């Protein structure tokens, strides 16, 4: 797996046909702009999993916020 840090407005490419650009919003949220061929399906992970597909191999599961660990 490749990990990248991008600043708001920066982008990455996958092959010659796919570009992904990120934008930071307030409150820790981000927006993602994707340019890809029209015949390529693009789904949010939650939609993909709700429709019965497995989570793609290699992705890290986000940790849910919880109480702070106390020593």
N, C-alpha and C. Protein backbone atom coordinates (compact mmCIF):
# COMPACT_ATOMS: atom_id res chain seq x y z
N UNK A 1 0.85 -1.17 0.00
CA UNK A 1 0.00 0.00 0.00
C UNK A 1 0.89 1.23 0.00
N UNK A 2 0.49 2.22 -0.73
CA UNK A 2 1.20 3.49 -0.81
C UNK A 2 0.47 4.51 0.05
N UNK A 3 1.19 5.20 0.92
CA UNK A 3 0.62 6.27 1.73
C UNK A 3 1.16 7.59 1.22
N UNK A 4 0.28 8.56 1.00
CA UNK A 4 0.66 9.88 0.53
C UNK A 4 0.04 10.94 1.43
N UNK A 5 0.72 12.05 1.57
CA UNK A 5 0.13 13.22 2.22
C UNK A 5 0.00 14.28 1.14
N UNK A 6 -1.20 14.78 0.98
CA UNK A 6 -1.45 15.80 -0.02
C UNK A 6 -2.00 17.04 0.65
N UNK A 7 -1.59 18.19 0.13
CA UNK A 7 -2.14 19.45 0.60
C UNK A 7 -3.39 19.75 -0.22
N UNK A 8 -4.25 20.57 0.34
CA UNK A 8 -5.47 20.94 -0.34
C UNK A 8 -5.17 21.45 -1.74
N UNK A 9 -5.86 20.90 -2.74
CA UNK A 9 -5.67 21.29 -4.12
C UNK A 9 -4.70 20.39 -4.88
N UNK A 10 -3.87 19.61 -4.17
CA UNK A 10 -2.94 18.71 -4.84
C UNK A 10 -3.69 17.49 -5.35
N UNK A 11 -3.07 16.77 -6.27
CA UNK A 11 -3.73 15.61 -6.86
C UNK A 11 -2.72 14.50 -7.09
N UNK A 12 -3.27 13.31 -7.36
CA UNK A 12 -2.46 12.18 -7.76
C UNK A 12 -3.12 11.56 -8.97
N UNK A 13 -2.35 10.79 -9.72
CA UNK A 13 -2.88 10.12 -10.90
C UNK A 13 -2.70 8.62 -10.74
N UNK A 14 -3.60 7.88 -11.36
CA UNK A 14 -3.50 6.43 -11.44
C UNK A 14 -3.56 6.10 -12.91
N UNK A 15 -2.43 5.65 -13.43
CA UNK A 15 -2.34 5.43 -14.87
C UNK A 15 -2.49 6.76 -15.60
N UNK A 16 -2.96 6.69 -16.83
CA UNK A 16 -3.13 7.90 -17.64
C UNK A 16 -4.55 8.44 -17.59
N UNK A 17 -5.50 7.63 -17.05
CA UNK A 17 -6.91 7.98 -17.18
C UNK A 17 -7.59 8.43 -15.90
N UNK A 18 -6.91 8.32 -14.75
CA UNK A 18 -7.57 8.63 -13.48
C UNK A 18 -6.77 9.67 -12.72
N UNK A 19 -7.45 10.72 -12.27
CA UNK A 19 -6.83 11.75 -11.42
C UNK A 19 -7.73 11.98 -10.22
N UNK A 20 -7.11 12.10 -9.05
CA UNK A 20 -7.84 12.32 -7.80
C UNK A 20 -7.26 13.56 -7.13
N UNK A 21 -8.11 14.53 -6.86
CA UNK A 21 -7.69 15.79 -6.24
C UNK A 21 -8.40 15.95 -4.91
N UNK A 22 -7.68 16.42 -3.89
CA UNK A 22 -8.25 16.57 -2.55
C UNK A 22 -8.34 18.04 -2.17
N UNK A 23 -9.38 18.35 -1.40
CA UNK A 23 -9.60 19.70 -0.90
C UNK A 23 -10.00 19.61 0.56
N UNK A 24 -9.32 20.35 1.42
CA UNK A 24 -9.65 20.34 2.84
C UNK A 24 -10.78 21.31 3.11
N UNK A 25 -11.74 20.86 3.90
CA UNK A 25 -12.83 21.72 4.33
C UNK A 25 -12.72 21.93 5.83
N UNK A 26 -13.58 22.74 6.37
CA UNK A 26 -13.55 22.98 7.82
C UNK A 26 -14.04 21.74 8.56
N UNK A 27 -13.66 21.62 9.80
CA UNK A 27 -14.11 20.52 10.63
C UNK A 27 -13.42 19.20 10.35
N UNK A 28 -12.25 19.23 9.72
CA UNK A 28 -11.51 18.01 9.47
C UNK A 28 -12.02 17.18 8.30
N UNK A 29 -12.96 17.69 7.56
CA UNK A 29 -13.49 16.96 6.41
C UNK A 29 -12.67 17.29 5.17
N UNK A 30 -12.75 16.42 4.18
CA UNK A 30 -12.11 16.68 2.90
C UNK A 30 -13.12 16.44 1.79
N UNK A 31 -12.88 17.05 0.66
CA UNK A 31 -13.63 16.78 -0.57
C UNK A 31 -12.66 16.11 -1.52
N UNK A 32 -13.16 15.22 -2.34
CA UNK A 32 -12.34 14.50 -3.30
C UNK A 32 -12.97 14.67 -4.67
N UNK A 33 -12.18 15.12 -5.63
CA UNK A 33 -12.62 15.23 -7.01
C UNK A 33 -11.94 14.12 -7.80
N UNK A 34 -12.73 13.36 -8.57
CA UNK A 34 -12.19 12.23 -9.32
C UNK A 34 -12.50 12.43 -10.80
N UNK A 35 -11.47 12.31 -11.61
CA UNK A 35 -11.63 12.30 -13.06
C UNK A 35 -11.27 10.91 -13.53
N UNK A 36 -12.22 10.23 -14.18
CA UNK A 36 -12.00 8.87 -14.64
C UNK A 36 -12.88 8.63 -15.87
N UNK A 37 -12.58 7.59 -16.64
CA UNK A 37 -13.44 7.27 -17.79
C UNK A 37 -14.88 7.02 -17.35
N UNK A 38 -15.83 7.43 -18.18
CA UNK A 38 -17.25 7.30 -17.84
C UNK A 38 -17.68 5.86 -17.62
N UNK A 39 -17.00 4.90 -18.24
CA UNK A 39 -17.41 3.51 -18.09
C UNK A 39 -16.85 2.87 -16.82
N UNK A 40 -16.11 3.62 -16.01
CA UNK A 40 -15.55 3.12 -14.76
C UNK A 40 -16.50 3.45 -13.61
N UNK A 41 -16.86 2.44 -12.83
CA UNK A 41 -17.74 2.64 -11.68
C UNK A 41 -16.95 3.21 -10.52
N UNK A 42 -17.48 4.27 -9.90
CA UNK A 42 -16.85 4.88 -8.73
C UNK A 42 -17.91 4.90 -7.62
N UNK A 43 -17.61 4.24 -6.52
CA UNK A 43 -18.55 4.17 -5.41
C UNK A 43 -17.86 4.55 -4.10
N UNK A 44 -18.60 5.18 -3.20
CA UNK A 44 -18.11 5.37 -1.84
C UNK A 44 -17.99 3.99 -1.21
N UNK A 45 -17.01 3.81 -0.34
CA UNK A 45 -16.81 2.53 0.31
C UNK A 45 -18.04 2.04 1.05
N UNK A 46 -18.73 2.94 1.74
CA UNK A 46 -19.90 2.54 2.51
C UNK A 46 -21.01 2.01 1.60
N UNK A 47 -21.14 2.58 0.40
CA UNK A 47 -22.15 2.11 -0.55
C UNK A 47 -21.75 0.73 -1.08
N UNK A 48 -20.48 0.58 -1.42
CA UNK A 48 -19.97 -0.69 -1.92
C UNK A 48 -20.21 -1.80 -0.89
N UNK A 49 -19.88 -1.54 0.37
CA UNK A 49 -20.03 -2.55 1.41
C UNK A 49 -21.50 -2.81 1.73
N UNK A 50 -22.33 -1.77 1.69
CA UNK A 50 -23.77 -1.94 1.93
C UNK A 50 -24.39 -2.84 0.86
N UNK A 51 -23.83 -2.80 -0.35
CA UNK A 51 -24.33 -3.62 -1.45
C UNK A 51 -23.75 -5.04 -1.42
N UNK A 52 -23.01 -5.38 -0.35
CA UNK A 52 -22.55 -6.74 -0.18
C UNK A 52 -21.12 -7.02 -0.58
N UNK A 53 -20.41 -6.05 -1.11
CA UNK A 53 -19.01 -6.27 -1.50
C UNK A 53 -18.11 -6.22 -0.28
N UNK A 54 -17.04 -6.98 -0.31
CA UNK A 54 -16.05 -6.95 0.75
C UNK A 54 -15.21 -5.68 0.65
N UNK A 55 -14.63 -5.29 1.76
CA UNK A 55 -13.70 -4.17 1.79
C UNK A 55 -12.45 -4.61 1.01
N UNK A 56 -11.92 -3.77 0.10
CA UNK A 56 -10.74 -4.15 -0.67
C UNK A 56 -9.56 -4.50 0.25
N UNK A 57 -8.80 -5.51 -0.14
CA UNK A 57 -7.63 -5.91 0.63
C UNK A 57 -6.65 -4.76 0.75
N UNK A 58 -6.00 -4.68 1.90
CA UNK A 58 -4.94 -3.70 2.11
C UNK A 58 -5.39 -2.37 2.68
N UNK A 59 -6.69 -2.11 2.74
CA UNK A 59 -7.15 -0.84 3.28
C UNK A 59 -7.16 -0.89 4.81
N UNK A 60 -6.85 0.21 5.41
CA UNK A 60 -6.84 0.31 6.87
C UNK A 60 -8.23 0.71 7.33
N UNK A 61 -8.74 0.02 8.32
CA UNK A 61 -10.05 0.37 8.88
C UNK A 61 -9.88 1.58 9.80
N UNK A 62 -10.70 2.61 9.61
CA UNK A 62 -10.60 3.77 10.51
C UNK A 62 -10.99 3.38 11.93
N UNK A 63 -10.30 3.95 12.89
CA UNK A 63 -10.62 3.68 14.29
C UNK A 63 -11.75 4.59 14.71
N UNK A 64 -12.71 4.01 15.40
CA UNK A 64 -13.83 4.80 15.90
C UNK A 64 -13.39 5.56 17.15
N UNK A 65 -13.81 6.82 17.28
CA UNK A 65 -13.44 7.56 18.48
C UNK A 65 -14.02 6.90 19.73
N UNK A 66 -13.24 6.88 20.77
CA UNK A 66 -13.70 6.28 22.00
C UNK A 66 -13.07 6.98 23.17
N UNK A 67 -13.31 6.50 24.37
CA UNK A 67 -12.70 7.13 25.54
C UNK A 67 -11.19 6.99 25.49
N UNK A 68 -10.51 8.00 25.99
CA UNK A 68 -9.05 8.01 26.00
C UNK A 68 -8.54 6.88 26.89
N UNK A 69 -7.46 6.26 26.46
CA UNK A 69 -6.84 5.22 27.29
C UNK A 69 -6.26 5.84 28.54
N UNK A 70 -6.52 5.21 29.65
CA UNK A 70 -5.99 5.73 30.91
C UNK A 70 -4.99 4.73 31.46
N UNK A 71 -3.86 5.22 31.98
CA UNK A 71 -2.84 4.35 32.56
C UNK A 71 -3.03 4.19 34.04
